[in-house]
Amino acid sequence: MITFIRKNQKAVLLTVLVVLNFCLAAWADDATNVAGASGKNNTIVIKDFAFNPQTITVKSGEKVTWINRDEEPHTVVSVEKQFKKSQALDTDDKFTITAGAPGTYTYFCSVHPKMTGTIVIEK
């Protein structure tokens, strides 16, 4: 009987830990999806072989994040090398930069060069 109770206690404890782990993972994911201090969400979704939105306007110093929702790998490469290029992004991978000096930054996918986008950076 004592062995049965101890096994049940271990099972309950393990279950609680698993549930807590899932809750923490969900909370962490929500925290990373919260917009920056400006209240603006600077996310570009890669889906159906396109960057969406194709043009985004941000302020210098804000973060811009691409997330690949395609089944194919994609990259993010600045035409004029105004920011570092990404590695190949598999499904659900993210790539983030911090917007630099004001200007217009064009980028493309080196795997699919017809995929293009623009970031307009303001002061």
Protein backbone atom coordinates (compact mmCIF):
# COMPACT_ATOMS: atom_id res chain seq x y z
CA MET A 1 0.00 0.00 0.00
CA ILE A 2 2.81 2.41 0.87
CA THR A 3 4.52 1.67 -2.46
CA PHE A 4 1.28 2.43 -4.30
CA ILE A 5 0.91 5.80 -2.52
CA ARG A 6 4.53 6.74 -3.22
CA LYS A 7 4.12 5.87 -6.90
CA ASN A 8 0.96 7.99 -7.04
CA GLN A 9 2.76 10.89 -5.37
CA LYS A 10 5.54 10.65 -7.93
CA ALA A 11 3.01 10.51 -10.79
CA VAL A 12 1.14 13.55 -9.43
CA LEU A 13 4.38 15.46 -8.96
CA LEU A 14 5.54 14.58 -12.46
CA THR A 15 2.19 15.65 -13.91
CA VAL A 16 2.33 18.96 -12.06
CA LEU A 17 5.86 19.58 -13.34
CA VAL A 18 4.86 18.81 -16.93
CA VAL A 19 1.84 21.14 -16.75
CA LEU A 20 3.96 23.86 -15.18
CA ASN A 21 6.54 23.44 -17.93
CA PHE A 22 3.88 23.87 -20.62
CA CYS A 23 2.50 26.95 -18.86
CA LEU A 24 5.95 28.52 -18.63
CA ALA A 25 6.67 27.74 -22.30
CA ALA A 26 3.38 29.36 -23.36
CA TRP A 27 4.07 32.38 -21.16
CA ALA A 28 7.58 32.77 -22.60
CA ASP A 29 6.22 32.57 -26.15
CA ASP A 30 3.62 35.24 -25.36
CA ALA A 31 6.31 37.43 -23.81
CA THR A 32 8.39 37.29 -26.98
CA ASN A 33 5.35 38.19 -29.07
CA VAL A 34 4.55 41.32 -27.07
CA ALA A 35 5.17 44.47 -29.08
CA GLY A 36 8.07 46.74 -28.16
CA ALA A 37 7.82 49.87 -26.04
CA SER A 38 6.34 51.77 -28.99
CA GLY A 39 3.42 49.35 -29.03
CA LYS A 40 4.30 48.42 -32.59
CA ASN A 41 4.81 44.85 -33.77
CA ASN A 42 7.54 44.88 -36.41
CA THR A 43 7.11 41.32 -37.65
CA ILE A 44 7.43 40.22 -41.26
CA VAL A 45 5.89 36.84 -42.00
CA ILE A 46 7.36 34.69 -44.78
CA LYS A 47 4.48 32.72 -46.27
CA ASP A 48 3.55 31.49 -49.75
CA PHE A 49 6.95 32.61 -51.09
CA ALA A 50 6.37 36.25 -50.10
CA PHE A 51 7.33 38.70 -47.35
CA ASN A 52 4.23 40.10 -45.64
CA PRO A 53 4.03 43.01 -45.33
CA GLN A 54 6.22 43.66 -48.33
CA THR A 55 7.04 47.16 -47.02
CA ILE A 56 7.30 48.08 -43.34
CA THR A 57 8.12 51.42 -41.71
CA VAL A 58 9.97 51.45 -38.40
CA LYS A 59 11.93 53.86 -36.24
CA SER A 60 15.70 53.68 -35.93
CA GLY A 61 16.60 51.40 -33.02
CA GLU A 62 13.44 49.28 -33.21
CA LYS A 63 13.69 45.55 -33.78
CA VAL A 64 12.40 43.90 -36.96
CA THR A 65 11.71 40.16 -36.91
CA TRP A 66 11.08 37.80 -39.82
CA ILE A 67 9.40 34.46 -39.17
CA ASN A 68 9.26 31.71 -41.77
CA ARG A 69 5.80 30.12 -42.03
CA ASP A 70 6.60 28.30 -45.28
CA GLU A 71 7.61 24.66 -45.56
CA GLU A 72 10.61 25.75 -47.65
CA PRO A 73 13.77 27.41 -46.25
CA HIS A 74 14.23 31.14 -46.89
CA THR A 75 16.86 33.78 -46.18
CA VAL A 76 16.82 37.51 -45.57
CA VAL A 77 19.62 39.39 -47.36
CA SER A 78 20.05 43.17 -47.59
CA VAL A 79 20.62 44.26 -51.20
CA GLU A 80 23.14 46.92 -50.14
CA LYS A 81 24.46 44.99 -47.12
CA GLN A 82 22.82 47.42 -44.70
CA PHE A 83 22.29 44.64 -42.17
CA LYS A 84 23.69 41.18 -41.58
CA LYS A 85 22.15 38.40 -43.63
CA SER A 86 20.23 35.57 -42.05
CA GLN A 87 21.11 31.94 -42.15
CA ALA A 88 18.62 29.67 -43.92
CA LEU A 89 15.38 29.89 -41.96
CA ASP A 90 13.46 26.65 -41.68
CA THR A 91 9.76 26.53 -40.82
CA ASP A 92 9.00 28.68 -37.73
CA ASP A 93 12.59 29.97 -37.49
CA LYS A 94 13.00 33.67 -36.70
CA PHE A 95 15.59 36.28 -37.66
CA THR A 96 15.78 39.68 -35.93
CA ILE A 97 17.73 42.85 -36.65
CA THR A 98 17.82 46.26 -35.02
CA ALA A 99 16.90 49.03 -37.46
CA GLY A 100 19.93 51.20 -38.14
CA ALA A 101 20.33 54.61 -39.72
CA PRO A 102 17.29 56.20 -41.37
CA GLY A 103 16.81 55.22 -45.00
CA THR A 104 15.25 52.64 -47.26
CA TYR A 105 16.59 49.11 -46.96
CA THR A 106 15.66 46.59 -49.62
CA TYR A 107 16.11 42.88 -49.06
CA PHE A 108 15.47 39.56 -50.78
CA CYS A 109 15.59 35.80 -50.29
CA SER A 110 18.81 34.41 -51.74
CA VAL A 111 17.12 31.03 -52.26
CA HIS A 112 14.19 32.63 -54.13
CA PRO A 113 15.50 35.99 -55.48
CA LYS A 114 12.06 37.09 -56.75
CA MET A 115 11.01 37.38 -53.10
CA THR A 116 11.74 41.00 -52.13
CA GLY A 117 10.80 43.45 -49.43
CA THR A 118 11.55 46.93 -48.13
CA ILE A 119 12.15 48.42 -44.70
CA VAL A 120 11.77 52.20 -44.40
CA ILE A 121 13.63 53.42 -41.32
CA GLU A 122 12.71 56.80 -39.86
CA LYS A 123 14.37 58.81 -37.09
